[in-house]
Amino acid sequence: MCMSWSWYLASDMQFHVIAMTLLILSTEHFYAAVTILSAILIDSAVLSGYISYVYEYVPIIDELYRLADVLYTPPWMRINPYLFGIIAGYILIKLNSNMVLKKKVVILCWCFAGAFNIYVIASHKRHVLDTAIYVVLHRIFWALSTAWIVIACTTKHGGEPVYLLVNDIKDIRRLNGHMELSTLLKGVQISKKRKVEDKLNEVIKLLK
């Protein structure tokens, strides 16, 4: 059952090679790297919509299985979120995780991120053209909203509860860089629980 996902290993390897090539190129020829990255983003989005429209894809499970080798698994259909992740990481490194934004801008970005996610999850696609437009946009919107969440939370624009959670994750990662994800999440839950207990104890002391 697990081997059914092994097709992604080939895509992931290709994405890694492309990412390393672009990052190395950007050290000497930044604008050339940006041009190539932009071209890949645009080509991938347009090609995705074109293939969806030509094959008259509609979002039902039988169609998804029928067109899996054409519309789902190819790397050129899936590279956009990976590239947006590279952009987000590059921004955070360049800013050293410090970014000053006006409150209105932050609120607007959160509204856009929420709207993008709602479109991805709740959009109804009944016709071939509607589906083709959705295929073009849904990975871009999801990647942009996720990138904003990561950037906002890392640069202290995610609100106090999220900021505490991010700090918990950073503290746990310092302890062991090779912790499994399940262990990491468990550590975050324990750390959050301890913070809540400490706050409750402080409140009880004040009431006494």
N, C-alpha and C. Protein backbone atom coordinates (compact mmCIF):
# COMPACT_ATOMS: atom_id res chain seq x y z
N MET A 1 0.83 -1.19 0.00
CA MET A 1 0.00 0.00 0.00
C MET A 1 0.87 1.26 0.00
N CYS A 2 1.95 1.24 0.77
CA CYS A 2 2.83 2.42 0.85
C CYS A 2 3.55 2.67 -0.47
N MET A 3 3.80 1.63 -1.24
CA MET A 3 4.54 1.78 -2.50
C MET A 3 3.75 2.55 -3.55
N SER A 4 2.44 2.69 -3.35
CA SER A 4 1.63 3.41 -4.33
C SER A 4 2.03 4.88 -4.40
N TRP A 5 2.73 5.39 -3.37
CA TRP A 5 3.16 6.79 -3.35
C TRP A 5 4.59 6.97 -3.84
N SER A 6 5.25 5.89 -4.21
CA SER A 6 6.66 5.98 -4.56
C SER A 6 6.90 6.78 -5.84
N TRP A 7 5.85 7.00 -6.65
CA TRP A 7 6.01 7.81 -7.85
C TRP A 7 6.51 9.21 -7.51
N TYR A 8 6.20 9.68 -6.29
CA TYR A 8 6.58 11.05 -5.94
C TYR A 8 8.08 11.19 -5.71
N LEU A 9 8.77 10.09 -5.45
CA LEU A 9 10.21 10.16 -5.24
C LEU A 9 10.92 10.73 -6.47
N ALA A 10 10.47 10.32 -7.65
CA ALA A 10 11.08 10.82 -8.88
C ALA A 10 10.83 12.33 -9.02
N SER A 11 9.59 12.76 -8.74
CA SER A 11 9.27 14.19 -8.82
C SER A 11 10.09 14.98 -7.82
N ASP A 12 10.17 14.48 -6.60
CA ASP A 12 10.89 15.18 -5.54
C ASP A 12 12.36 15.34 -5.89
N MET A 13 12.95 14.31 -6.48
CA MET A 13 14.36 14.38 -6.87
C MET A 13 14.56 15.44 -7.95
N GLN A 14 13.67 15.49 -8.92
CA GLN A 14 13.77 16.50 -9.98
C GLN A 14 13.61 17.91 -9.40
N PHE A 15 12.66 18.08 -8.47
CA PHE A 15 12.47 19.39 -7.84
C PHE A 15 13.73 19.81 -7.08
N HIS A 16 14.35 18.84 -6.41
CA HIS A 16 15.56 19.14 -5.63
C HIS A 16 16.68 19.60 -6.55
N VAL A 17 16.87 18.93 -7.67
CA VAL A 17 17.91 19.31 -8.63
C VAL A 17 17.64 20.70 -9.19
N ILE A 18 16.39 20.97 -9.56
CA ILE A 18 16.04 22.29 -10.09
C ILE A 18 16.26 23.37 -9.04
N ALA A 19 15.85 23.08 -7.80
CA ALA A 19 16.01 24.07 -6.73
C ALA A 19 17.48 24.38 -6.47
N MET A 20 18.31 23.36 -6.39
CA MET A 20 19.73 23.59 -6.16
C MET A 20 20.35 24.38 -7.31
N THR A 21 19.95 24.05 -8.53
CA THR A 21 20.49 24.76 -9.70
C THR A 21 20.12 26.25 -9.65
N LEU A 22 18.86 26.53 -9.34
CA LEU A 22 18.41 27.92 -9.28
C LEU A 22 19.09 28.68 -8.14
N LEU A 23 19.23 28.04 -6.99
CA LEU A 23 19.86 28.71 -5.85
C LEU A 23 21.34 29.01 -6.12
N ILE A 24 22.04 28.06 -6.73
CA ILE A 24 23.45 28.29 -7.07
C ILE A 24 23.57 29.39 -8.12
N LEU A 25 22.68 29.34 -9.12
CA LEU A 25 22.69 30.36 -10.17
C LEU A 25 22.40 31.75 -9.60
N SER A 26 21.52 31.81 -8.61
CA SER A 26 21.13 33.12 -8.04
C SER A 26 22.26 33.82 -7.32
N THR A 27 23.29 33.08 -6.91
CA THR A 27 24.41 33.71 -6.20
C THR A 27 25.23 34.61 -7.12
N GLU A 28 25.26 34.28 -8.41
CA GLU A 28 26.02 35.07 -9.38
C GLU A 28 25.14 35.81 -10.38
N HIS A 29 24.01 35.19 -10.72
CA HIS A 29 23.11 35.76 -11.74
C HIS A 29 21.68 35.71 -11.19
N PHE A 30 21.41 36.61 -10.27
CA PHE A 30 20.13 36.59 -9.56
C PHE A 30 18.95 36.76 -10.50
N TYR A 31 19.00 37.74 -11.38
CA TYR A 31 17.86 38.03 -12.26
C TYR A 31 17.63 36.91 -13.28
N ALA A 32 18.70 36.25 -13.68
CA ALA A 32 18.54 35.10 -14.58
C ALA A 32 17.80 33.97 -13.86
N ALA A 33 18.16 33.74 -12.59
CA ALA A 33 17.48 32.71 -11.80
C ALA A 33 16.01 33.05 -11.59
N VAL A 34 15.73 34.33 -11.31
CA VAL A 34 14.34 34.77 -11.13
C VAL A 34 13.55 34.59 -12.42
N THR A 35 14.16 34.90 -13.55
CA THR A 35 13.49 34.75 -14.85
C THR A 35 13.15 33.29 -15.12
N ILE A 36 14.10 32.40 -14.87
CA ILE A 36 13.87 30.97 -15.10
C ILE A 36 12.79 30.45 -14.16
N LEU A 37 12.87 30.83 -12.89
CA LEU A 37 11.87 30.40 -11.92
C LEU A 37 10.48 30.89 -12.31
N SER A 38 10.37 32.15 -12.72
CA SER A 38 9.09 32.71 -13.14
C SER A 38 8.54 31.97 -14.37
N ALA A 39 9.44 31.66 -15.30
CA ALA A 39 9.02 30.95 -16.51
C ALA A 39 8.48 29.56 -16.16
N ILE A 40 9.15 28.88 -15.23
CA ILE A 40 8.68 27.55 -14.81
C ILE A 40 7.31 27.65 -14.14
N LEU A 41 7.13 28.65 -13.27
CA LEU A 41 5.85 28.83 -12.60
C LEU A 41 4.73 29.06 -13.60
N ILE A 42 4.95 29.97 -14.54
CA ILE A 42 3.91 30.30 -15.53
C ILE A 42 3.64 29.12 -16.46
N ASP A 43 4.70 28.49 -16.95
CA ASP A 43 4.54 27.35 -17.86
C ASP A 43 3.79 26.20 -17.19
N SER A 44 4.13 25.92 -15.95
CA SER A 44 3.47 24.84 -15.22
C SER A 44 1.98 25.12 -15.05
N ALA A 45 1.65 26.35 -14.67
CA ALA A 45 0.24 26.70 -14.45
C ALA A 45 -0.55 26.63 -15.76
N VAL A 46 0.00 27.22 -16.83
CA VAL A 46 -0.70 27.23 -18.12
C VAL A 46 -0.85 25.82 -18.67
N LEU A 47 0.22 25.04 -18.58
CA LEU A 47 0.19 23.66 -19.08
C LEU A 47 -0.83 22.82 -18.31
N SER A 48 -0.92 23.02 -17.01
CA SER A 48 -1.88 22.28 -16.20
C SER A 48 -3.31 22.55 -16.67
N GLY A 49 -3.63 23.83 -16.85
CA GLY A 49 -4.96 24.18 -17.31
C GLY A 49 -5.25 23.67 -18.71
N TYR A 50 -4.25 23.76 -19.58
CA TYR A 50 -4.42 23.29 -20.96
C TYR A 50 -4.70 21.79 -21.00
N ILE A 51 -3.91 21.01 -20.26
CA ILE A 51 -4.12 19.55 -20.23
C ILE A 51 -5.49 19.22 -19.66
N SER A 52 -5.88 19.91 -18.59
CA SER A 52 -7.20 19.68 -18.01
C SER A 52 -8.31 19.95 -19.02
N TYR A 53 -8.16 21.04 -19.76
CA TYR A 53 -9.20 21.42 -20.73
C TYR A 53 -9.23 20.46 -21.92
N VAL A 54 -8.07 20.09 -22.43
CA VAL A 54 -8.00 19.20 -23.60
C VAL A 54 -8.58 17.83 -23.28
N TYR A 55 -8.28 17.31 -22.10
CA TYR A 55 -8.79 15.99 -21.70
C TYR A 55 -10.19 16.07 -21.10
N GLU A 56 -10.78 17.27 -21.06
CA GLU A 56 -12.14 17.49 -20.56
C GLU A 56 -12.31 16.91 -19.16
N TYR A 57 -11.35 17.24 -18.33
CA TYR A 57 -11.36 16.73 -16.95
C TYR A 57 -12.44 17.41 -16.12
N VAL A 58 -13.17 16.61 -15.37
CA VAL A 58 -14.11 17.11 -14.37
C VAL A 58 -13.80 16.40 -13.06
N PRO A 59 -13.97 17.07 -11.92
CA PRO A 59 -13.49 16.52 -10.65
C PRO A 59 -14.39 15.44 -10.05
N ILE A 60 -14.31 14.26 -10.64
CA ILE A 60 -14.93 13.08 -10.05
C ILE A 60 -13.84 12.02 -9.92
N ILE A 61 -14.02 11.12 -8.98
CA ILE A 61 -12.94 10.19 -8.63
C ILE A 61 -12.54 9.29 -9.80
N ASP A 62 -13.50 8.88 -10.63
CA ASP A 62 -13.18 8.02 -11.77
C ASP A 62 -12.29 8.76 -12.77
N GLU A 63 -12.59 10.03 -13.00
CA GLU A 63 -11.78 10.83 -13.92
C GLU A 63 -10.37 11.04 -13.37
N LEU A 64 -10.27 11.23 -12.06
CA LEU A 64 -8.96 11.43 -11.45
C LEU A 64 -8.08 10.20 -11.64
N TYR A 65 -8.66 9.01 -11.45
CA TYR A 65 -7.89 7.78 -11.66
C TYR A 65 -7.56 7.60 -13.14
N ARG A 66 -8.50 7.95 -14.02
CA ARG A 66 -8.28 7.77 -15.45
C ARG A 66 -7.15 8.66 -15.96
N LEU A 67 -7.06 9.86 -15.42
CA LEU A 67 -6.07 10.83 -15.90
C LEU A 67 -4.90 11.01 -14.94
N ALA A 68 -4.71 10.07 -14.02
CA ALA A 68 -3.66 10.23 -13.01
C ALA A 68 -2.28 10.41 -13.63
N ASP A 69 -1.98 9.63 -14.68
CA ASP A 69 -0.65 9.70 -15.30
C ASP A 69 -0.47 10.97 -16.13
N VAL A 70 -1.55 11.67 -16.42
CA VAL A 70 -1.48 12.87 -17.24
C VAL A 70 -1.63 14.13 -16.40
N LEU A 71 -2.52 14.07 -15.41
CA LEU A 71 -2.93 15.28 -14.70
C LEU A 71 -2.50 15.33 -13.24
N TYR A 72 -2.11 14.20 -12.68
CA TYR A 72 -1.84 14.17 -11.24
C TYR A 72 -0.37 13.94 -10.90
N THR A 73 0.24 12.94 -11.50
CA THR A 73 1.60 12.56 -11.08
C THR A 73 2.75 13.26 -11.80
N PRO A 74 2.59 13.80 -13.01
CA PRO A 74 3.76 14.41 -13.69
C PRO A 74 4.35 15.57 -12.89
N PRO A 75 5.67 15.68 -12.88
CA PRO A 75 6.33 16.74 -12.08
C PRO A 75 5.97 18.15 -12.54
N TRP A 76 5.73 18.33 -13.85
CA TRP A 76 5.39 19.68 -14.32
C TRP A 76 4.00 20.12 -13.87
N MET A 77 3.20 19.17 -13.34
CA MET A 77 1.91 19.54 -12.77
C MET A 77 2.01 19.90 -11.30
N ARG A 78 3.12 19.55 -10.66
CA ARG A 78 3.21 19.65 -9.20
C ARG A 78 4.34 20.55 -8.70
N ILE A 79 5.08 21.15 -9.59
CA ILE A 79 6.29 21.86 -9.16
C ILE A 79 6.00 23.22 -8.54
N ASN A 80 4.86 23.84 -8.86
CA ASN A 80 4.60 25.20 -8.39
C ASN A 80 4.65 25.36 -6.87
N PRO A 81 3.97 24.51 -6.09
CA PRO A 81 4.07 24.68 -4.62
C PRO A 81 5.50 24.55 -4.11
N TYR A 82 6.29 23.67 -4.73
CA TYR A 82 7.69 23.51 -4.32
C TYR A 82 8.46 24.80 -4.55
N LEU A 83 8.24 25.43 -5.69
CA LEU A 83 8.95 26.67 -6.00
C LEU A 83 8.50 27.81 -5.10
N PHE A 84 7.22 27.86 -4.77
CA PHE A 84 6.76 28.88 -3.83
C PHE A 84 7.37 28.66 -2.44
N GLY A 85 7.60 27.41 -2.09
CA GLY A 85 8.29 27.11 -0.84
C GLY A 85 9.72 27.62 -0.85
N ILE A 86 10.40 27.48 -2.00
CA ILE A 86 11.75 28.02 -2.14
C ILE A 86 11.74 29.54 -1.98
N ILE A 87 10.77 30.19 -2.60
CA ILE A 87 10.66 31.65 -2.51
C ILE A 87 10.44 32.08 -1.06
N ALA A 88 9.54 31.38 -0.37
CA ALA A 88 9.26 31.71 1.03
C ALA A 88 10.52 31.54 1.89
N GLY A 89 11.22 30.44 1.68
CA GLY A 89 12.46 30.21 2.43
C GLY A 89 13.52 31.26 2.13
N TYR A 90 13.62 31.64 0.87
CA TYR A 90 14.59 32.66 0.46
C TYR A 90 14.27 34.00 1.13
N ILE A 91 12.98 34.35 1.17
CA ILE A 91 12.56 35.60 1.82
C ILE A 91 12.93 35.59 3.30
N LEU A 92 12.66 34.48 3.97
CA LEU A 92 12.95 34.39 5.40
C LEU A 92 14.45 34.49 5.67
N ILE A 93 15.25 33.86 4.83
CA ILE A 93 16.71 33.92 5.01
C ILE A 93 17.22 35.33 4.79
N LYS A 94 16.74 35.98 3.73
CA LYS A 94 17.19 37.33 3.42
C LYS A 94 16.78 38.33 4.50
N LEU A 95 15.58 38.12 5.05
CA LEU A 95 15.09 39.03 6.09
C LEU A 95 15.57 38.63 7.48
N ASN A 96 16.26 37.49 7.55
CA ASN A 96 16.71 36.96 8.84
C ASN A 96 15.52 36.80 9.80
N SER A 97 14.39 36.35 9.24
CA SER A 97 13.15 36.13 10.00
C SER A 97 12.64 37.40 10.68
N ASN A 98 13.03 38.56 10.18
CA ASN A 98 12.55 39.84 10.72
C ASN A 98 11.87 40.62 9.60
N MET A 99 10.60 40.94 9.81
CA MET A 99 9.86 41.68 8.80
C MET A 99 8.88 42.62 9.49
N VAL A 100 8.97 43.90 9.17
CA VAL A 100 8.09 44.90 9.77
C VAL A 100 6.99 45.25 8.77
N LEU A 101 5.74 45.02 9.15
CA LEU A 101 4.60 45.32 8.30
C LEU A 101 3.56 46.10 9.09
N LYS A 102 2.85 46.97 8.40
CA LYS A 102 1.75 47.67 9.05
C LYS A 102 0.62 46.71 9.35
N LYS A 103 -0.15 47.03 10.37
CA LYS A 103 -1.22 46.14 10.81
C LYS A 103 -2.24 45.90 9.69
N LYS A 104 -2.54 46.95 8.93
CA LYS A 104 -3.50 46.81 7.84
C LYS A 104 -3.00 45.83 6.78
N VAL A 105 -1.70 45.88 6.49
CA VAL A 105 -1.12 44.98 5.50
C VAL A 105 -1.20 43.53 6.00
N VAL A 106 -0.90 43.33 7.27
CA VAL A 106 -0.95 41.99 7.86
C VAL A 106 -2.38 41.44 7.79
N ILE A 107 -3.35 42.25 8.18
CA ILE A 107 -4.75 41.83 8.13
C ILE A 107 -5.17 41.49 6.70
N LEU A 108 -4.75 42.33 5.76
CA LEU A 108 -5.08 42.09 4.35
C LEU A 108 -4.48 40.78 3.86
N CYS A 109 -3.24 40.51 4.23
CA CYS A 109 -2.58 39.27 3.82
C CYS A 109 -3.28 38.05 4.41
N TRP A 110 -3.69 38.15 5.67
CA TRP A 110 -4.42 37.04 6.30
C TRP A 110 -5.76 36.83 5.61
N CYS A 111 -6.42 37.91 5.22
CA CYS A 111 -7.71 37.79 4.52
C CYS A 111 -7.52 37.10 3.17
N PHE A 112 -6.47 37.49 2.45
CA PHE A 112 -6.19 36.85 1.17
C PHE A 112 -5.86 35.37 1.36
N ALA A 113 -5.05 35.05 2.37
CA ALA A 113 -4.69 33.66 2.64
C ALA A 113 -5.94 32.83 2.95
N GLY A 114 -6.84 33.39 3.77
CA GLY A 114 -8.07 32.69 4.08
C GLY A 114 -8.95 32.51 2.86
N ALA A 115 -9.06 33.56 2.04
CA ALA A 115 -9.87 33.48 0.82
C ALA A 115 -9.31 32.45 -0.15
N PHE A 116 -7.99 32.41 -0.28
CA PHE A 116 -7.36 31.42 -1.17
C PHE A 116 -7.67 30.00 -0.72
N ASN A 117 -7.55 29.75 0.59
CA ASN A 117 -7.83 28.41 1.11
C ASN A 117 -9.30 28.03 0.95
N ILE A 118 -10.19 28.99 1.15
CA ILE A 118 -11.62 28.72 0.96
C ILE A 118 -11.90 28.37 -0.49
N TYR A 119 -11.26 29.09 -1.42
CA TYR A 119 -11.43 28.78 -2.85
C TYR A 119 -10.96 27.36 -3.16
N VAL A 120 -9.80 26.99 -2.62
CA VAL A 120 -9.25 25.66 -2.89
C VAL A 120 -10.16 24.57 -2.35
N ILE A 121 -10.70 24.78 -1.15
CA ILE A 121 -11.48 23.73 -0.48
C ILE A 121 -12.94 23.72 -0.94
N ALA A 122 -13.54 24.89 -1.08
CA ALA A 122 -14.99 24.97 -1.26
C ALA A 122 -15.45 25.29 -2.67
N SER A 123 -14.52 25.51 -3.59
CA SER A 123 -14.93 25.87 -4.94
C SER A 123 -15.62 24.70 -5.63
N HIS A 124 -16.76 24.97 -6.27
CA HIS A 124 -17.52 23.94 -6.98
C HIS A 124 -17.19 24.01 -8.47
N LYS A 125 -16.75 22.87 -9.00
CA LYS A 125 -16.35 22.80 -10.41
C LYS A 125 -17.29 21.84 -11.14
N ARG A 126 -18.17 22.39 -11.97
CA ARG A 126 -19.14 21.55 -12.65
C ARG A 126 -18.86 21.42 -14.14
N HIS A 127 -18.11 22.35 -14.71
CA HIS A 127 -17.89 22.36 -16.14
C HIS A 127 -16.39 22.23 -16.44
N VAL A 128 -16.10 21.87 -17.68
CA VAL A 128 -14.71 21.64 -18.09
C VAL A 128 -13.88 22.91 -17.96
N LEU A 129 -14.42 24.05 -18.40
CA LEU A 129 -13.67 25.31 -18.33
C LEU A 129 -13.46 25.73 -16.88
N ASP A 130 -14.49 25.61 -16.05
CA ASP A 130 -14.35 25.94 -14.62
C ASP A 130 -13.26 25.09 -13.98
N THR A 131 -13.26 23.81 -14.32
CA THR A 131 -12.26 22.90 -13.75
C THR A 131 -10.86 23.25 -14.22
N ALA A 132 -10.72 23.63 -15.50
CA ALA A 132 -9.41 24.00 -16.02
C ALA A 132 -8.86 25.22 -15.30
N ILE A 133 -9.73 26.20 -15.05
CA ILE A 133 -9.30 27.40 -14.31
C ILE A 133 -8.90 27.01 -12.88
N TYR A 134 -9.66 26.12 -12.28
CA TYR A 134 -9.34 25.65 -10.93
C TYR A 134 -7.99 24.93 -10.90
N VAL A 135 -7.75 24.10 -11.91
CA VAL A 135 -6.48 23.36 -11.98
C VAL A 135 -5.31 24.34 -12.09
N VAL A 136 -5.50 25.43 -12.83
CA VAL A 136 -4.45 26.45 -12.95
C VAL A 136 -4.18 27.12 -11.61
N LEU A 137 -5.24 27.42 -10.85
CA LEU A 137 -5.11 28.30 -9.69
C LEU A 137 -4.95 27.58 -8.35
N HIS A 138 -5.48 26.36 -8.20
CA HIS A 138 -5.63 25.83 -6.84
C HIS A 138 -4.29 25.56 -6.16
N ARG A 139 -3.30 25.04 -6.89
CA ARG A 139 -2.00 24.81 -6.26
C ARG A 139 -1.28 26.13 -5.98
N ILE A 140 -1.45 27.10 -6.86
CA ILE A 140 -0.83 28.42 -6.64
C ILE A 140 -1.43 29.08 -5.40
N PHE A 141 -2.76 29.08 -5.30
CA PHE A 141 -3.43 29.70 -4.16
C PHE A 141 -3.07 28.99 -2.86
N TRP A 142 -3.07 27.66 -2.89
CA TRP A 142 -2.73 26.91 -1.67
C TRP A 142 -1.29 27.20 -1.25
N ALA A 143 -0.38 27.23 -2.22
CA ALA A 143 1.03 27.48 -1.91
C ALA A 143 1.23 28.89 -1.37
N LEU A 144 0.55 29.88 -1.97
CA LEU A 144 0.68 31.26 -1.50
C LEU A 144 0.15 31.42 -0.09
N SER A 145 -1.01 30.83 0.18
CA SER A 145 -1.58 30.95 1.53
C SER A 145 -0.71 30.26 2.57
N THR A 146 -0.18 29.09 2.22
CA THR A 146 0.70 28.37 3.15
C THR A 146 2.01 29.13 3.36
N ALA A 147 2.55 29.69 2.28
CA ALA A 147 3.79 30.47 2.39
C ALA A 147 3.58 31.68 3.29
N TRP A 148 2.43 32.35 3.16
CA TRP A 148 2.16 33.50 4.03
C TRP A 148 2.06 33.07 5.49
N ILE A 149 1.39 31.95 5.75
CA ILE A 149 1.26 31.47 7.13
C ILE A 149 2.64 31.21 7.74
N VAL A 150 3.51 30.56 6.97
CA VAL A 150 4.87 30.27 7.46
C VAL A 150 5.64 31.57 7.71
N ILE A 151 5.60 32.49 6.74
CA ILE A 151 6.33 33.75 6.88
C ILE A 151 5.77 34.58 8.03
N ALA A 152 4.43 34.67 8.11
CA ALA A 152 3.80 35.47 9.16
C ALA A 152 4.13 34.93 10.55
N CYS A 153 4.03 33.63 10.69
CA CYS A 153 4.28 33.04 12.02
C CYS A 153 5.76 33.14 12.40
N THR A 154 6.64 33.04 11.42
CA THR A 154 8.08 33.12 11.70
C THR A 154 8.51 34.54 12.02
N THR A 155 7.82 35.52 11.45
CA THR A 155 8.19 36.93 11.66
C THR A 155 7.29 37.63 12.67
N LYS A 156 6.60 36.85 13.51
CA LYS A 156 5.78 37.38 14.60
C LYS A 156 4.56 38.18 14.12
N HIS A 157 4.00 37.75 13.00
CA HIS A 157 2.76 38.37 12.52
C HIS A 157 1.61 37.37 12.54
N GLY A 158 1.76 36.31 13.32
CA GLY A 158 0.73 35.28 13.37
C GLY A 158 -0.13 35.32 14.61
N GLY A 159 0.10 36.29 15.49
CA GLY A 159 -0.65 36.34 16.73
C GLY A 159 0.08 35.62 17.84
N GLU A 160 -0.23 35.94 19.07
CA GLU A 160 0.48 35.40 20.23
C GLU A 160 0.40 33.88 20.34
N PRO A 161 -0.78 33.24 20.20
CA PRO A 161 -0.83 31.77 20.33
C PRO A 161 0.06 31.07 19.31
N VAL A 162 0.03 31.55 18.06
CA VAL A 162 0.85 30.93 17.02
C VAL A 162 2.32 31.18 17.28
N TYR A 163 2.66 32.39 17.77
CA TYR A 163 4.06 32.71 18.07
C TYR A 163 4.61 31.79 19.15
N LEU A 164 3.79 31.51 20.18
CA LEU A 164 4.22 30.59 21.23
C LEU A 164 4.44 29.19 20.69
N LEU A 165 3.55 28.77 19.78
CA LEU A 165 3.69 27.44 19.19
C LEU A 165 4.96 27.35 18.36
N VAL A 166 5.26 28.38 17.56
CA VAL A 166 6.49 28.39 16.75
C VAL A 166 7.71 28.32 17.65
N ASN A 167 7.69 29.07 18.76
CA ASN A 167 8.81 29.03 19.70
C ASN A 167 8.97 27.64 20.29
N ASP A 168 7.85 26.98 20.61
CA ASP A 168 7.90 25.62 21.12
C ASP A 168 8.60 24.69 20.13
N ILE A 169 8.22 24.82 18.86
CA ILE A 169 8.81 23.95 17.84
C ILE A 169 10.31 24.21 17.72
N LYS A 170 10.72 25.50 17.74
CA LYS A 170 12.14 25.83 17.65
C LYS A 170 12.91 25.27 18.84
N ASP A 171 12.34 25.40 20.06
CA ASP A 171 13.02 24.90 21.24
C ASP A 171 13.19 23.39 21.18
N ILE A 172 12.16 22.68 20.71
CA ILE A 172 12.24 21.23 20.65
C ILE A 172 13.25 20.79 19.60
N ARG A 173 13.30 21.52 18.47
CA ARG A 173 14.23 21.14 17.41
C ARG A 173 15.67 21.33 17.85
N ARG A 174 15.92 22.26 18.77
CA ARG A 174 17.29 22.44 19.25
C ARG A 174 17.78 21.22 20.02
N LEU A 175 16.83 20.50 20.65
CA LEU A 175 17.21 19.36 21.47
C LEU A 175 17.72 18.20 20.62
N ASN A 176 17.07 18.00 19.48
CA ASN A 176 17.45 16.87 18.65
C ASN A 176 17.04 17.16 17.22
N GLY A 177 18.00 17.38 16.35
CA GLY A 177 17.72 17.73 14.97
C GLY A 177 17.16 16.58 14.16
N HIS A 178 17.17 15.36 14.70
CA HIS A 178 16.72 14.20 13.94
C HIS A 178 15.47 13.57 14.56
N MET A 179 14.71 14.37 15.29
CA MET A 179 13.50 13.82 15.91
C MET A 179 12.47 13.50 14.83
N GLU A 180 11.74 12.42 15.02
CA GLU A 180 10.67 12.09 14.11
C GLU A 180 9.52 13.07 14.28
N LEU A 181 8.70 13.20 13.24
CA LEU A 181 7.62 14.17 13.27
C LEU A 181 6.64 13.89 14.39
N SER A 182 6.31 12.61 14.61
CA SER A 182 5.36 12.28 15.69
C SER A 182 5.90 12.69 17.05
N THR A 183 7.20 12.49 17.26
CA THR A 183 7.82 12.89 18.51
C THR A 183 7.82 14.41 18.66
N LEU A 184 8.09 15.09 17.55
CA LEU A 184 8.11 16.56 17.56
C LEU A 184 6.73 17.11 17.94
N LEU A 185 5.69 16.57 17.31
CA LEU A 185 4.34 17.05 17.60
C LEU A 185 3.94 16.74 19.04
N LYS A 186 4.35 15.59 19.52
CA LYS A 186 4.05 15.24 20.90
C LYS A 186 4.74 16.22 21.84
N GLY A 187 5.99 16.57 21.53
CA GLY A 187 6.71 17.54 22.35
C GLY A 187 6.05 18.89 22.36
N VAL A 188 5.54 19.31 21.19
CA VAL A 188 4.83 20.59 21.12
C VAL A 188 3.60 20.57 21.99
N GLN A 189 2.83 19.46 21.94
CA GLN A 189 1.62 19.35 22.75
C GLN A 189 1.95 19.41 24.24
N ILE A 190 3.02 18.71 24.64
CA ILE A 190 3.43 18.72 26.05
C ILE A 190 3.83 20.12 26.48
N SER A 191 4.64 20.79 25.63
CA SER A 191 5.09 22.13 25.96
C SER A 191 3.93 23.09 26.08
N LYS A 192 2.97 23.01 25.16
CA LYS A 192 1.79 23.87 25.22
C LYS A 192 0.98 23.60 26.48
N LYS A 193 0.85 22.32 26.82
CA LYS A 193 0.08 21.96 28.01
C LYS A 193 0.73 22.54 29.26
N ARG A 194 2.05 22.49 29.33
CA ARG A 194 2.76 23.05 30.49
C ARG A 194 2.56 24.55 30.58
N LYS A 195 2.58 25.25 29.44
CA LYS A 195 2.36 26.70 29.46
C LYS A 195 0.97 27.02 29.98
N VAL A 196 -0.03 26.26 29.54
CA VAL A 196 -1.40 26.48 30.01
C VAL A 196 -1.51 26.22 31.50
N GLU A 197 -0.88 25.15 31.97
CA GLU A 197 -0.92 24.83 33.40
C GLU A 197 -0.26 25.93 34.22
N ASP A 198 0.87 26.44 33.73
CA ASP A 198 1.55 27.53 34.44
C ASP A 198 0.66 28.76 34.53
N LYS A 199 -0.02 29.10 33.45
CA LYS A 199 -0.91 30.26 33.45
C LYS A 199 -2.06 30.07 34.43
N LEU A 200 -2.63 28.85 34.45
CA LEU A 200 -3.72 28.56 35.37
C LEU A 200 -3.26 28.67 36.82
N ASN A 201 -2.07 28.18 37.10
CA ASN A 201 -1.54 28.27 38.46
C ASN A 201 -1.35 29.73 38.89
N GLU A 202 -0.89 30.57 37.93
CA GLU A 202 -0.73 31.99 38.24
C GLU A 202 -2.07 32.65 38.55
N VAL A 203 -3.11 32.28 37.78
CA VAL A 203 -4.44 32.84 38.01
C VAL A 203 -4.98 32.41 39.37
N ILE A 204 -4.78 31.14 39.71
CA ILE A 204 -5.25 30.63 41.01
C ILE A 204 -4.58 31.33 42.15
N LYS A 205 -3.27 31.59 42.03
CA LYS A 205 -2.54 32.30 43.07
C LYS A 205 -3.08 33.72 43.25
N LEU A 206 -3.39 34.38 42.13
CA LEU A 206 -3.94 35.74 42.21
C LEU A 206 -5.31 35.76 42.89
N LEU A 207 -6.14 34.75 42.59
CA LEU A 207 -7.46 34.68 43.20
C LEU A 207 -7.39 34.43 44.69
N LYS A 208 -6.37 33.70 45.11
CA LYS A 208 -6.21 33.45 46.55
C LYS A 208 -5.77 34.72 47.27
